[in-house]
């Protein structure tokens, strides 16, 4: 049995070609090519680093001054 039905593409071919042209002409690192990639590749990791650094500093302070102990 052969089927003659073809699947409908997710995006029109013209939009796909436009996206390909856009990404091929952008001269940035691969992980920063999209418009929202700066948030996921830069801002979120920097936020995690800041939060971890603050928690580590708080832990070192608590250990050196002997505060925050459980009895």
N, C-alpha and C. Protein backbone atom coordinates (compact mmCIF):
# COMPACT_ATOMS: atom_id res chain seq x y z
N UNK A 1 0.84 -1.18 0.00
CA UNK A 1 0.00 0.00 0.00
C UNK A 1 0.88 1.24 0.00
N UNK A 2 0.66 2.09 -0.93
CA UNK A 2 1.39 3.35 -0.97
C UNK A 2 0.41 4.47 -0.69
N UNK A 3 0.85 5.39 0.11
CA UNK A 3 -0.03 6.52 0.42
C UNK A 3 0.44 7.73 -0.38
N UNK A 4 -0.48 8.44 -0.91
CA UNK A 4 -0.15 9.62 -1.70
C UNK A 4 -0.30 10.89 -0.89
N UNK A 5 -0.76 10.77 0.35
CA UNK A 5 -0.93 11.96 1.19
C UNK A 5 0.43 12.43 1.68
N UNK A 6 0.63 13.72 1.63
CA UNK A 6 1.87 14.29 2.15
C UNK A 6 1.55 15.05 3.43
N UNK A 7 2.51 15.07 4.31
CA UNK A 7 2.31 15.77 5.57
C UNK A 7 2.42 17.27 5.36
N UNK A 8 1.64 17.99 6.11
CA UNK A 8 1.70 19.44 6.06
C UNK A 8 2.90 19.87 6.91
N UNK A 9 3.77 20.73 6.37
CA UNK A 9 4.94 21.14 7.16
C UNK A 9 4.53 22.00 8.36
N UNK A 10 5.38 22.01 9.37
CA UNK A 10 5.10 22.81 10.56
C UNK A 10 5.10 24.30 10.23
N UNK A 11 6.01 24.71 9.41
CA UNK A 11 6.11 26.11 9.00
C UNK A 11 6.11 26.19 7.48
N UNK A 12 5.63 27.29 6.96
CA UNK A 12 5.73 27.47 5.50
C UNK A 12 7.20 27.55 5.07
N UNK A 13 7.46 27.12 3.87
CA UNK A 13 8.83 27.10 3.36
C UNK A 13 9.46 28.50 3.35
N UNK A 14 8.69 29.53 3.07
CA UNK A 14 9.23 30.88 3.02
C UNK A 14 9.74 31.32 4.39
N UNK A 15 8.97 31.01 5.44
CA UNK A 15 9.41 31.38 6.79
C UNK A 15 10.67 30.62 7.17
N UNK A 16 10.74 29.36 6.79
CA UNK A 16 11.92 28.56 7.07
C UNK A 16 13.14 29.14 6.39
N UNK A 17 13.01 29.53 5.14
CA UNK A 17 14.14 30.11 4.41
C UNK A 17 14.55 31.45 5.02
N UNK A 18 13.58 32.25 5.46
CA UNK A 18 13.90 33.51 6.12
C UNK A 18 14.69 33.27 7.41
N UNK A 19 14.25 32.29 8.20
CA UNK A 19 14.96 31.98 9.45
C UNK A 19 16.38 31.49 9.15
N UNK A 20 16.53 30.64 8.13
CA UNK A 20 17.86 30.15 7.77
C UNK A 20 18.77 31.29 7.35
N UNK A 21 18.25 32.21 6.54
CA UNK A 21 19.05 33.37 6.11
C UNK A 21 19.45 34.21 7.32
N UNK A 22 18.50 34.41 8.25
CA UNK A 22 18.79 35.22 9.43
C UNK A 22 19.91 34.60 10.25
N UNK A 23 19.80 33.31 10.54
CA UNK A 23 20.80 32.67 11.40
C UNK A 23 22.14 32.50 10.70
N UNK A 24 22.15 32.40 9.38
CA UNK A 24 23.42 32.27 8.68
C UNK A 24 24.14 33.60 8.58
N UNK A 25 23.41 34.72 8.61
CA UNK A 25 24.03 36.03 8.46
C UNK A 25 24.42 36.67 9.78
N UNK A 26 23.98 36.13 10.91
CA UNK A 26 24.33 36.70 12.19
C UNK A 26 25.73 36.22 12.57
N UNK A 27 26.60 37.17 12.88
CA UNK A 27 27.99 36.81 13.19
C UNK A 27 28.20 36.89 14.71
N UNK A 28 27.52 36.05 15.43
CA UNK A 28 27.68 35.94 16.88
C UNK A 28 27.96 34.48 17.21
N UNK A 29 28.16 34.22 18.49
CA UNK A 29 28.30 32.84 18.92
C UNK A 29 26.99 32.10 18.67
N UNK A 30 27.08 30.81 18.48
CA UNK A 30 25.91 30.01 18.15
C UNK A 30 24.83 30.11 19.21
N UNK A 31 25.22 30.16 20.48
CA UNK A 31 24.23 30.15 21.55
C UNK A 31 23.64 31.54 21.81
N UNK A 32 24.02 32.57 21.08
CA UNK A 32 23.46 33.91 21.27
C UNK A 32 22.80 34.44 20.01
N UNK A 33 22.41 33.59 19.09
CA UNK A 33 21.89 34.06 17.82
C UNK A 33 20.44 34.49 17.88
N UNK A 34 19.62 33.86 18.69
CA UNK A 34 18.21 34.21 18.76
C UNK A 34 17.97 35.47 19.55
N UNK A 35 16.80 36.07 19.40
CA UNK A 35 16.52 37.32 20.10
C UNK A 35 16.37 37.15 21.62
N UNK A 36 15.93 35.99 22.09
CA UNK A 36 15.74 35.78 23.52
C UNK A 36 16.86 34.93 24.13
N UNK A 37 17.91 34.65 23.38
CA UNK A 37 18.96 33.76 23.86
C UNK A 37 19.83 34.39 24.94
N UNK A 38 19.87 35.73 25.00
CA UNK A 38 20.69 36.37 26.02
C UNK A 38 20.11 36.10 27.40
N UNK A 39 18.79 35.94 27.50
CA UNK A 39 18.18 35.67 28.79
C UNK A 39 18.56 34.28 29.28
N UNK A 40 18.43 33.29 28.39
CA UNK A 40 18.68 31.92 28.83
C UNK A 40 20.16 31.58 28.90
N UNK A 41 21.00 32.24 28.13
CA UNK A 41 22.42 31.88 28.11
C UNK A 41 23.28 32.77 28.97
N UNK A 42 22.79 33.94 29.36
CA UNK A 42 23.61 34.87 30.13
C UNK A 42 22.95 35.22 31.46
N UNK A 43 21.71 35.71 31.41
CA UNK A 43 21.07 36.25 32.62
C UNK A 43 20.79 35.16 33.66
N UNK A 44 20.22 34.05 33.26
CA UNK A 44 19.88 33.00 34.23
C UNK A 44 21.13 32.41 34.88
N UNK A 45 22.18 32.05 34.11
CA UNK A 45 23.39 31.56 34.78
C UNK A 45 24.04 32.60 35.71
N UNK A 46 24.03 33.88 35.32
CA UNK A 46 24.59 34.90 36.20
C UNK A 46 23.78 35.03 37.48
N UNK A 47 22.46 34.90 37.38
CA UNK A 47 21.61 34.94 38.57
C UNK A 47 21.89 33.77 39.49
N UNK A 48 22.07 32.59 38.90
CA UNK A 48 22.40 31.41 39.72
C UNK A 48 23.75 31.56 40.41
N UNK A 49 24.72 32.10 39.70
CA UNK A 49 26.04 32.31 40.29
C UNK A 49 25.95 33.31 41.43
N UNK A 50 25.20 34.39 41.25
CA UNK A 50 25.05 35.40 42.31
C UNK A 50 24.38 34.80 43.54
N UNK A 51 23.30 34.02 43.32
CA UNK A 51 22.59 33.41 44.45
C UNK A 51 23.48 32.42 45.18
N UNK A 52 24.21 31.59 44.45
CA UNK A 52 25.10 30.61 45.08
C UNK A 52 26.23 31.30 45.84
N UNK A 53 26.78 32.35 45.28
CA UNK A 53 27.86 33.08 45.95
C UNK A 53 27.36 33.70 47.26
N UNK A 54 26.14 34.26 47.23
CA UNK A 54 25.58 34.85 48.44
C UNK A 54 25.35 33.78 49.51
N UNK A 55 24.85 32.62 49.13
CA UNK A 55 24.60 31.56 50.09
C UNK A 55 25.91 30.99 50.66
N UNK A 56 26.91 30.88 49.83
CA UNK A 56 28.21 30.39 50.31
C UNK A 56 28.82 31.40 51.28
N UNK A 57 28.74 32.70 50.94
CA UNK A 57 29.27 33.73 51.82
C UNK A 57 28.53 33.73 53.15
N UNK A 58 27.22 33.57 53.13
CA UNK A 58 26.44 33.51 54.36
C UNK A 58 26.85 32.30 55.20
N UNK A 59 27.06 31.17 54.57
CA UNK A 59 27.49 29.97 55.29
C UNK A 59 28.85 30.14 55.92
N UNK A 60 29.79 30.74 55.19
CA UNK A 60 31.13 30.98 55.75
C UNK A 60 31.04 31.93 56.93
N UNK A 61 30.25 32.98 56.80
CA UNK A 61 30.07 33.93 57.90
C UNK A 61 29.48 33.23 59.13
N UNK A 62 28.45 32.43 58.91
CA UNK A 62 27.81 31.74 60.04
C UNK A 62 28.78 30.76 60.71
N UNK A 63 29.58 30.05 59.92
CA UNK A 63 30.52 29.10 60.51
C UNK A 63 31.63 29.82 61.28
N UNK A 64 32.11 30.93 60.75
CA UNK A 64 33.22 31.62 61.41
C UNK A 64 32.78 32.35 62.67
N UNK A 65 31.50 32.75 62.78
CA UNK A 65 31.01 33.43 63.96
C UNK A 65 30.20 32.52 64.88
N UNK A 66 29.96 31.31 64.47
CA UNK A 66 29.24 30.35 65.32
C UNK A 66 27.76 30.64 65.48
N UNK A 67 27.16 31.29 64.51
CA UNK A 67 25.73 31.60 64.59
C UNK A 67 24.95 30.67 63.67
N UNK A 68 23.66 30.56 63.91
CA UNK A 68 22.79 29.76 63.07
C UNK A 68 22.90 28.28 63.32
N UNK A 69 23.39 27.89 64.50
CA UNK A 69 23.52 26.46 64.81
C UNK A 69 22.18 25.90 65.25
N UNK A 70 21.97 24.63 64.97
CA UNK A 70 20.82 23.92 65.51
C UNK A 70 21.23 23.29 66.83
N UNK A 71 20.35 23.29 67.79
CA UNK A 71 20.72 22.73 69.11
C UNK A 71 20.40 21.28 69.22
